[in-house]
Amino acid sequence: MKNKPVYKRVVLKLSGEALQGRQPHGIDAEVLSSLASQIVEIHNLGVQIAVVLGGGNIFRGQSGTAHFKIERAVGDYMGMLATVINGLALQDAIEKKNVQTRVMTAIEMHQIAEPYIRRRAIRHLENRRIVIFVAGTGNPYFTTDTAAALRAMEINADVILKATKVDGVYSADPFKDKNAKKFSGLKYLDVLKKGLKVMDATAISLCMDNQLPIVVFGLKKKGNIKRIIMGEKIGTVVN
């Protein structure tokens, strides 16, 4: 492990379920505080950090549309609004630790968040603010994984850190298949050809076209984000 961070600017992709903890839905206050502490810890190392949040702990567009029998586009917009709730919660938790943040939304709602403007987002990062991107890309039919890839490209991030329930990418679901093999490294094309559930195909293609690495790691072990930032080999690297 190195003595200083190996990345200068990162995008951390958190699913809505990451905020859920052991709750059946919604936000777990203890988990939220722990995540905020880990993000602030990275910030204090001098790393510029942007967070992209999902909303599955409140409403997931694709599955929600089937359950409630509503149009896919409507469901996706509902999911985008769920990410805004998560973003505001994370902002509050981080600012309680005396670090400035900005929530930037792809769907304008001036009373609670700034509209996403690329140059302004970069300026916030340069001014040592943590930026939280919400509302996905602002378009239905695109996931928050794709939003993470897009925002990472736009702000010239060095890497996407994709937090998951497991400690990397496996050949099969490790919870269902005891023989599932963990990959330490993968190529973008391998992810697409094997249909591995790293990020959706659009996000992987975007990263491949722009040679942006993705580190997939387990969030359950506290301190993993810092370990990656400091150069420790954690999880699976896709490049």
C-alpha atoms as a PDB file:
ATOM      1  CA  MET A   1       0.000   0.000   0.000  1.00  0.00           C
ATOM      2  CA  LYS A   2       1.285   3.463  -0.879  1.00  0.00           C
ATOM      3  CA  ASN A   3       1.686   6.442   1.459  1.00  0.00           C
ATOM      4  CA  LYS A   4      -0.455   8.761  -0.617  1.00  0.00           C
ATOM      5  CA  PRO A   5      -3.615   8.341  -2.717  1.00  0.00           C
ATOM      6  CA  VAL A   6      -3.190   6.806  -6.164  1.00  0.00           C
ATOM      7  CA  TYR A   7      -6.241   8.667  -7.493  1.00  0.00           C
ATOM      8  CA  LYS A   8      -6.846  12.404  -7.571  1.00  0.00           C
ATOM      9  CA  ARG A   9     -10.524  12.472  -8.584  1.00  0.00           C
ATOM     10  CA  VAL A  10     -12.974   9.585  -8.237  1.00  0.00           C
ATOM     11  CA  VAL A  11     -16.636   8.809  -8.772  1.00  0.00           C
ATOM     12  CA  LEU A  12     -18.124   6.571  -6.091  1.00  0.00           C
ATOM     13  CA  LYS A  13     -21.227   4.692  -7.267  1.00  0.00           C
ATOM     14  CA  LEU A  14     -23.540   3.696  -4.426  1.00  0.00           C
ATOM     15  CA  SER A  15     -26.761   1.774  -4.926  1.00  0.00           C
ATOM     16  CA  GLY A  16     -29.837   2.778  -3.014  1.00  0.00           C
ATOM     17  CA  GLU A  17     -29.637  -0.591  -1.260  1.00  0.00           C
ATOM     18  CA  ALA A  18     -26.268   0.463   0.173  1.00  0.00           C
ATOM     19  CA  LEU A  19     -28.111   3.028   2.305  1.00  0.00           C
ATOM     20  CA  GLN A  20     -30.766   0.526   3.285  1.00  0.00           C
ATOM     21  CA  GLY A  21     -28.595  -1.625   5.546  1.00  0.00           C
ATOM     22  CA  ARG A  22     -30.720  -4.338   7.128  1.00  0.00           C
ATOM     23  CA  GLN A  23     -33.904  -2.333   6.765  1.00  0.00           C
ATOM     24  CA  PRO A  24     -36.522  -3.776   4.364  1.00  0.00           C
ATOM     25  CA  HIS A  25     -36.566  -0.393   2.611  1.00  0.00           C
ATOM     26  CA  GLY A  26     -35.645   3.242   3.186  1.00  0.00           C
ATOM     27  CA  ILE A  27     -32.471   4.544   4.837  1.00  0.00           C
ATOM     28  CA  ASP A  28     -30.598   3.091   7.808  1.00  0.00           C
ATOM     29  CA  ALA A  29     -29.274   5.992   9.911  1.00  0.00           C
ATOM     30  CA  GLU A  30     -26.273   4.029  11.174  1.00  0.00           C
ATOM     31  CA  VAL A  31     -25.255   2.899   7.677  1.00  0.00           C
ATOM     32  CA  LEU A  32     -25.716   6.428   6.356  1.00  0.00           C
ATOM     33  CA  SER A  33     -23.448   7.874   9.052  1.00  0.00           C
ATOM     34  CA  SER A  34     -20.802   5.190   8.417  1.00  0.00           C
ATOM     35  CA  LEU A  35     -20.811   5.867   4.667  1.00  0.00           C
ATOM     36  CA  ALA A  36     -20.531   9.603   5.292  1.00  0.00           C
ATOM     37  CA  SER A  37     -17.534   9.020   7.588  1.00  0.00           C
ATOM     38  CA  GLN A  38     -15.765   6.889   4.977  1.00  0.00           C
ATOM     39  CA  ILE A  39     -16.391   9.484   2.261  1.00  0.00           C
ATOM     40  CA  VAL A  40     -15.117  12.296   4.487  1.00  0.00           C
ATOM     41  CA  GLU A  41     -12.035  10.200   5.302  1.00  0.00           C
ATOM     42  CA  ILE A  42     -11.191  10.041   1.583  1.00  0.00           C
ATOM     43  CA  HIS A  43     -11.907  13.738   1.200  1.00  0.00           C
ATOM     44  CA  ASN A  44      -9.469  14.502   4.037  1.00  0.00           C
ATOM     45  CA  LEU A  45      -6.712  12.704   2.100  1.00  0.00           C
ATOM     46  CA  GLY A  46      -7.022  15.395  -0.568  1.00  0.00           C
ATOM     47  CA  VAL A  47      -9.000  13.286  -3.030  1.00  0.00           C
ATOM     48  CA  GLN A  48     -11.747  15.000  -5.025  1.00  0.00           C
ATOM     49  CA  ILE A  49     -14.834  12.821  -4.697  1.00  0.00           C
ATOM     50  CA  ALA A  50     -18.174  12.768  -6.484  1.00  0.00           C
ATOM     51  CA  VAL A  51     -20.930  10.344  -5.506  1.00  0.00           C
ATOM     52  CA  VAL A  52     -23.609   8.924  -7.799  1.00  0.00           C
ATOM     53  CA  LEU A  53     -26.578   7.434  -5.959  1.00  0.00           C
ATOM     54  CA  GLY A  54     -29.203   4.896  -6.914  1.00  0.00           C
ATOM     55  CA  GLY A  55     -32.725   4.872  -5.541  1.00  0.00           C
ATOM     56  CA  GLY A  56     -33.618   1.177  -5.267  1.00  0.00           C
ATOM     57  CA  ASN A  57     -34.139   1.378  -1.503  1.00  0.00           C
ATOM     58  CA  ILE A  58     -37.144   3.635  -2.175  1.00  0.00           C
ATOM     59  CA  PHE A  59     -38.303   2.872  -5.723  1.00  0.00           C
ATOM     60  CA  ARG A  60     -36.681   0.954  -8.565  1.00  0.00           C
ATOM     61  CA  GLY A  61     -37.978   2.089 -11.951  1.00  0.00           C
ATOM     62  CA  GLN A  62     -37.790  -1.119 -13.985  1.00  0.00           C
ATOM     63  CA  SER A  63     -39.170  -3.544 -11.378  1.00  0.00           C
ATOM     64  CA  GLY A  64     -41.550  -0.915 -10.013  1.00  0.00           C
ATOM     65  CA  THR A  65     -43.235  -0.496 -13.366  1.00  0.00           C
ATOM     66  CA  ALA A  66     -44.069  -4.203 -13.504  1.00  0.00           C
ATOM     67  CA  HIS A  67     -45.362  -4.262  -9.930  1.00  0.00           C
ATOM     68  CA  PHE A  68     -47.493  -1.129 -10.150  1.00  0.00           C
ATOM     69  CA  LYS A  69     -48.373  -1.578 -13.852  1.00  0.00           C
ATOM     70  CA  ILE A  70     -47.265   1.904 -14.835  1.00  0.00           C
ATOM     71  CA  GLU A  71     -45.336   3.044 -17.880  1.00  0.00           C
ATOM     72  CA  ARG A  72     -41.592   2.388 -17.870  1.00  0.00           C
ATOM     73  CA  ALA A  73     -40.747   6.060 -18.430  1.00  0.00           C
ATOM     74  CA  VAL A  74     -42.965   7.114 -15.513  1.00  0.00           C
ATOM     75  CA  GLY A  75     -41.386   4.472 -13.278  1.00  0.00           C
ATOM     76  CA  ASP A  76     -37.899   5.607 -14.230  1.00  0.00           C
ATOM     77  CA  TYR A  77     -38.732   9.207 -13.353  1.00  0.00           C
ATOM     78  CA  MET A  78     -40.037   8.017  -9.993  1.00  0.00           C
ATOM     79  CA  GLY A  79     -36.757   6.178  -9.467  1.00  0.00           C
ATOM     80  CA  MET A  80     -34.827   9.353 -10.305  1.00  0.00           C
ATOM     81  CA  LEU A  81     -36.762  11.250  -7.641  1.00  0.00           C
ATOM     82  CA  ALA A  82     -35.881   8.491  -5.150  1.00  0.00           C
ATOM     83  CA  THR A  83     -32.187   9.177  -5.794  1.00  0.00           C
ATOM     84  CA  VAL A  84     -32.768  12.825  -4.855  1.00  0.00           C
ATOM     85  CA  ILE A  85     -34.097  11.770  -1.440  1.00  0.00           C
ATOM     86  CA  ASN A  86     -30.986   9.633  -0.930  1.00  0.00           C
ATOM     87  CA  GLY A  87     -28.742  12.472  -2.077  1.00  0.00           C
ATOM     88  CA  LEU A  88     -30.226  14.928   0.400  1.00  0.00           C
ATOM     89  CA  ALA A  89     -29.848  12.390   3.216  1.00  0.00           C
ATOM     90  CA  LEU A  90     -26.182  11.803   2.332  1.00  0.00           C
ATOM     91  CA  GLN A  91     -25.558  15.537   2.056  1.00  0.00           C
ATOM     92  CA  ASP A  92     -26.941  16.085   5.547  1.00  0.00           C
ATOM     93  CA  ALA A  93     -24.856  13.231   6.992  1.00  0.00           C
ATOM     94  CA  ILE A  94     -21.633  14.532   5.393  1.00  0.00           C
ATOM     95  CA  GLU A  95     -22.196  18.161   6.370  1.00  0.00           C
ATOM     96  CA  LYS A  96     -22.724  17.095   9.980  1.00  0.00           C
ATOM     97  CA  LYS A  97     -19.041  16.132   9.764  1.00  0.00           C
ATOM     98  CA  ASN A  98     -18.127  19.704   8.766  1.00  0.00           C
ATOM     99  CA  VAL A  99     -17.420  19.090   5.087  1.00  0.00           C
ATOM    100  CA  GLN A 100     -19.083  21.156   2.370  1.00  0.00           C
ATOM    101  CA  THR A 101     -21.161  19.357  -0.244  1.00  0.00           C
ATOM    102  CA  ARG A 102     -23.234  20.182  -3.273  1.00  0.00           C
ATOM    103  CA  VAL A 103     -26.147  18.107  -4.553  1.00  0.00           C
ATOM    104  CA  MET A 104     -26.432  18.430  -8.333  1.00  0.00           C
ATOM    105  CA  THR A 105     -29.508  17.110 -10.072  1.00  0.00           C
ATOM    106  CA  ALA A 106     -30.191  16.185 -13.682  1.00  0.00           C
ATOM    107  CA  ILE A 107     -33.850  17.166 -13.139  1.00  0.00           C
ATOM    108  CA  GLU A 108     -34.134  20.791 -12.073  1.00  0.00           C
ATOM    109  CA  MET A 109     -35.554  21.474  -8.604  1.00  0.00           C
ATOM    110  CA  HIS A 110     -34.011  24.766  -7.539  1.00  0.00           C
ATOM    111  CA  GLN A 111     -35.308  24.818  -3.981  1.00  0.00           C
ATOM    112  CA  ILE A 112     -33.304  21.768  -2.910  1.00  0.00           C
ATOM    113  CA  ALA A 113     -30.422  21.153  -5.336  1.00  0.00           C
ATOM    114  CA  GLU A 114     -28.299  22.778  -8.024  1.00  0.00           C
ATOM    115  CA  PRO A 115     -28.956  21.904 -11.668  1.00  0.00           C
ATOM    116  CA  TYR A 116     -26.152  19.779 -13.072  1.00  0.00           C
ATOM    117  CA  ILE A 117     -23.671  21.912 -15.001  1.00  0.00           C
ATOM    118  CA  ARG A 118     -20.404  20.226 -15.907  1.00  0.00           C
ATOM    119  CA  ARG A 119     -18.064  23.188 -15.391  1.00  0.00           C
ATOM    120  CA  ARG A 120     -19.717  24.082 -12.097  1.00  0.00           C
ATOM    121  CA  ALA A 121     -19.360  20.491 -10.864  1.00  0.00           C
ATOM    122  CA  ILE A 122     -15.635  20.550 -11.656  1.00  0.00           C
ATOM    123  CA  ARG A 123     -15.254  23.898  -9.894  1.00  0.00           C
ATOM    124  CA  HIS A 124     -16.946  22.512  -6.766  1.00  0.00           C
ATOM    125  CA  LEU A 125     -14.506  19.603  -6.737  1.00  0.00           C
ATOM    126  CA  GLU A 126     -11.532  21.934  -7.176  1.00  0.00           C
ATOM    127  CA  ASN A 127     -12.859  24.013  -4.269  1.00  0.00           C
ATOM    128  CA  ARG A 128     -12.800  20.942  -2.016  1.00  0.00           C
ATOM    129  CA  ARG A 129     -16.518  20.251  -1.962  1.00  0.00           C
ATOM    130  CA  ILE A 130     -17.965  16.750  -2.195  1.00  0.00           C
ATOM    131  CA  VAL A 131     -20.389  16.600  -5.110  1.00  0.00           C
ATOM    132  CA  ILE A 132     -23.440  14.325  -5.006  1.00  0.00           C
ATOM    133  CA  PHE A 133     -25.024  13.608  -8.391  1.00  0.00           C
ATOM    134  CA  VAL A 134     -28.709  12.681  -8.307  1.00  0.00           C
ATOM    135  CA  ALA A 135     -31.612  12.010 -10.708  1.00  0.00           C
ATOM    136  CA  GLY A 136     -29.463   9.762 -12.902  1.00  0.00           C
ATOM    137  CA  THR A 137     -28.936  11.172 -16.384  1.00  0.00           C
ATOM    138  CA  GLY A 138     -32.322  12.895 -16.270  1.00  0.00           C
ATOM    139  CA  ASN A 139     -33.608  10.482 -18.917  1.00  0.00           C
ATOM    140  CA  PRO A 140     -35.741   7.333 -18.616  1.00  0.00           C
ATOM    141  CA  TYR A 141     -34.340   3.987 -19.829  1.00  0.00           C
ATOM    142  CA  PHE A 142     -30.879   4.824 -18.468  1.00  0.00           C
ATOM    143  CA  THR A 143     -29.629   3.399 -15.176  1.00  0.00           C
ATOM    144  CA  THR A 144     -27.661   5.164 -12.471  1.00  0.00           C
ATOM    145  CA  ASP A 145     -24.699   2.987 -13.515  1.00  0.00           C
ATOM    146  CA  THR A 146     -24.794   4.744 -16.875  1.00  0.00           C
ATOM    147  CA  ALA A 147     -25.132   8.067 -15.036  1.00  0.00           C
ATOM    148  CA  ALA A 148     -21.987   7.223 -13.042  1.00  0.00           C
ATOM    149  CA  ALA A 149     -20.045   6.431 -16.225  1.00  0.00           C
ATOM    150  CA  LEU A 150     -21.300   9.577 -17.948  1.00  0.00           C
ATOM    151  CA  ARG A 151     -20.541  11.903 -15.027  1.00  0.00           C
ATOM    152  CA  ALA A 152     -17.132  10.314 -14.495  1.00  0.00           C
ATOM    153  CA  MET A 153     -16.286  11.030 -18.126  1.00  0.00           C
ATOM    154  CA  GLU A 154     -17.591  14.587 -17.948  1.00  0.00           C
ATOM    155  CA  ILE A 155     -15.626  15.557 -14.825  1.00  0.00           C
ATOM    156  CA  ASN A 156     -12.459  13.723 -15.978  1.00  0.00           C
ATOM    157  CA  ALA A 157     -12.435  11.264 -13.080  1.00  0.00           C
ATOM    158  CA  ASP A 158      -9.550   8.805 -12.775  1.00  0.00           C
ATOM    159  CA  VAL A 159     -11.735   5.831 -11.837  1.00  0.00           C
ATOM    160  CA  ILE A 160     -15.229   4.661 -10.950  1.00  0.00           C
ATOM    161  CA  LEU A 161     -15.508   2.894  -7.596  1.00  0.00           C
ATOM    162  CA  LYS A 162     -18.552   0.635  -7.781  1.00  0.00           C
ATOM    163  CA  ALA A 163     -19.714  -0.529  -4.353  1.00  0.00           C
ATOM    164  CA  THR A 164     -21.579  -3.860  -4.162  1.00  0.00           C
ATOM    165  CA  LYS A 165     -22.819  -6.413  -1.657  1.00  0.00           C
ATOM    166  CA  VAL A 166     -20.015  -8.849  -2.548  1.00  0.00           C
ATOM    167  CA  ASP A 167     -16.249  -8.339  -2.595  1.00  0.00           C
ATOM    168  CA  GLY A 168     -15.789  -8.242  -6.362  1.00  0.00           C
ATOM    169  CA  VAL A 169     -17.026  -9.747  -9.618  1.00  0.00           C
ATOM    170  CA  TYR A 170     -17.750 -13.489  -9.684  1.00  0.00           C
ATOM    171  CA  SER A 171     -18.431 -15.956 -12.484  1.00  0.00           C
ATOM    172  CA  ALA A 172     -21.831 -16.643 -10.873  1.00  0.00           C
ATOM    173  CA  ASP A 173     -23.817 -15.441  -7.875  1.00  0.00           C
ATOM    174  CA  PRO A 174     -21.603 -16.418  -4.893  1.00  0.00           C
ATOM    175  CA  PHE A 175     -24.657 -16.521  -2.619  1.00  0.00           C
ATOM    176  CA  LYS A 176     -26.206 -19.247  -4.798  1.00  0.00           C
ATOM    177  CA  ASP A 177     -23.171 -21.019  -6.271  1.00  0.00           C
ATOM    178  CA  LYS A 178     -20.387 -22.136  -3.919  1.00  0.00           C
ATOM    179  CA  ASN A 179     -18.132 -22.801  -6.907  1.00  0.00           C
ATOM    180  CA  ALA A 180     -18.398 -19.243  -8.206  1.00  0.00           C
ATOM    181  CA  LYS A 181     -14.963 -17.904  -9.109  1.00  0.00           C
ATOM    182  CA  LYS A 182     -13.874 -14.402  -8.176  1.00  0.00           C
ATOM    183  CA  PHE A 183     -12.022 -12.382 -10.810  1.00  0.00           C
ATOM    184  CA  SER A 184      -9.166 -10.121  -9.724  1.00  0.00           C
ATOM    185  CA  GLY A 185      -9.176  -8.382 -13.107  1.00  0.00           C
ATOM    186  CA  LEU A 186     -11.350  -8.306 -16.212  1.00  0.00           C
ATOM    187  CA  LYS A 187     -11.390  -6.648 -19.598  1.00  0.00           C
ATOM    188  CA  TYR A 188     -14.417  -4.630 -20.653  1.00  0.00           C
ATOM    189  CA  LEU A 189     -15.169  -7.043 -23.503  1.00  0.00           C
ATOM    190  CA  ASP A 190     -15.077 -10.010 -21.101  1.00  0.00           C
ATOM    191  CA  VAL A 191     -17.744  -8.337 -18.965  1.00  0.00           C
ATOM    192  CA  LEU A 192     -19.955  -7.774 -22.015  1.00  0.00           C
ATOM    193  CA  LYS A 193     -19.411 -11.217 -23.571  1.00  0.00           C
ATOM    194  CA  LYS A 194     -19.953 -13.136 -20.329  1.00  0.00           C
ATOM    195  CA  GLY A 195     -22.898 -11.002 -19.272  1.00  0.00           C
ATOM    196  CA  LEU A 196     -21.333 -10.363 -15.874  1.00  0.00           C
ATOM    197  CA  LYS A 197     -23.369  -8.106 -13.628  1.00  0.00           C
ATOM    198  CA  VAL A 198     -20.771  -5.412 -13.039  1.00  0.00           C
ATOM    199  CA  MET A 199     -22.657  -2.474 -14.505  1.00  0.00           C
ATOM    200  CA  ASP A 200     -25.148  -2.391 -17.352  1.00  0.00           C
ATOM    201  CA  ALA A 201     -23.889  -2.768 -20.936  1.00  0.00           C
ATOM    202  CA  THR A 202     -24.287   0.935 -21.751  1.00  0.00           C
ATOM    203  CA  ALA A 203     -22.121   1.951 -18.792  1.00  0.00           C
ATOM    204  CA  ILE A 204     -19.456  -0.656 -19.611  1.00  0.00           C
ATOM    205  CA  SER A 205     -19.380   0.435 -23.261  1.00  0.00           C
ATOM    206  CA  LEU A 206     -18.960   4.077 -22.237  1.00  0.00           C
ATOM    207  CA  CYS A 207     -16.046   3.176 -19.956  1.00  0.00           C
ATOM    208  CA  MET A 208     -14.470   0.982 -22.639  1.00  0.00           C
ATOM    209  CA  ASP A 209     -14.698   3.687 -25.296  1.00  0.00           C
ATOM    210  CA  ASN A 210     -13.023   6.179 -22.969  1.00  0.00           C
ATOM    211  CA  GLN A 211     -10.633   3.776 -21.188  1.00  0.00           C
ATOM    212  CA  LEU A 212     -11.990   4.588 -17.740  1.00  0.00           C
ATOM    213  CA  PRO A 213     -11.203   1.861 -15.181  1.00  0.00           C
ATOM    214  CA  ILE A 214     -13.833   0.481 -12.810  1.00  0.00           C
ATOM    215  CA  VAL A 215     -13.043  -1.027  -9.412  1.00  0.00           C
ATOM    216  CA  VAL A 216     -15.836  -3.262  -8.116  1.00  0.00           C
ATOM    217  CA  PHE A 217     -15.556  -3.857  -4.379  1.00  0.00           C
ATOM    218  CA  GLY A 218     -17.517  -4.922  -1.313  1.00  0.00           C
ATOM    219  CA  LEU A 219     -18.917  -2.163   0.852  1.00  0.00           C
ATOM    220  CA  LYS A 220     -19.618  -4.347   3.886  1.00  0.00           C
ATOM    221  CA  LYS A 221     -16.025  -4.194   5.123  1.00  0.00           C
ATOM    222  CA  LYS A 222     -15.522  -0.721   6.553  1.00  0.00           C
ATOM    223  CA  GLY A 223     -12.450   1.064   5.216  1.00  0.00           C
ATOM    224  CA  ASN A 224     -12.442  -0.591   1.783  1.00  0.00           C
ATOM    225  CA  ILE A 225     -12.910   2.732  -0.003  1.00  0.00           C
ATOM    226  CA  LYS A 226      -9.777   4.126   1.624  1.00  0.00           C
ATOM    227  CA  ARG A 227      -7.814   0.944   0.880  1.00  0.00           C
ATOM    228  CA  ILE A 228      -8.585   1.270  -2.820  1.00  0.00           C
ATOM    229  CA  ILE A 229      -7.716   4.973  -2.830  1.00  0.00           C
ATOM    230  CA  MET A 230      -4.369   4.164  -1.217  1.00  0.00           C
ATOM    231  CA  GLY A 231      -3.539   1.558  -3.857  1.00  0.00           C
ATOM    232  CA  GLU A 232      -4.417  -1.686  -2.101  1.00  0.00           C
ATOM    233  CA  LYS A 233      -5.669  -4.463  -4.384  1.00  0.00           C
ATOM    234  CA  ILE A 234      -9.296  -4.787  -3.380  1.00  0.00           C
ATOM    235  CA  GLY A 235     -12.149  -6.329  -5.375  1.00  0.00           C
ATOM    236  CA  THR A 236     -12.084  -6.633  -9.172  1.00  0.00           C
ATOM    237  CA  VAL A 237     -10.547  -4.154 -11.594  1.00  0.00           C
ATOM    238  CA  VAL A 238     -12.188  -3.775 -15.010  1.00  0.00           C
ATOM    239  CA  ASN A 239      -9.984  -2.028 -17.582  1.00  0.00           C
END
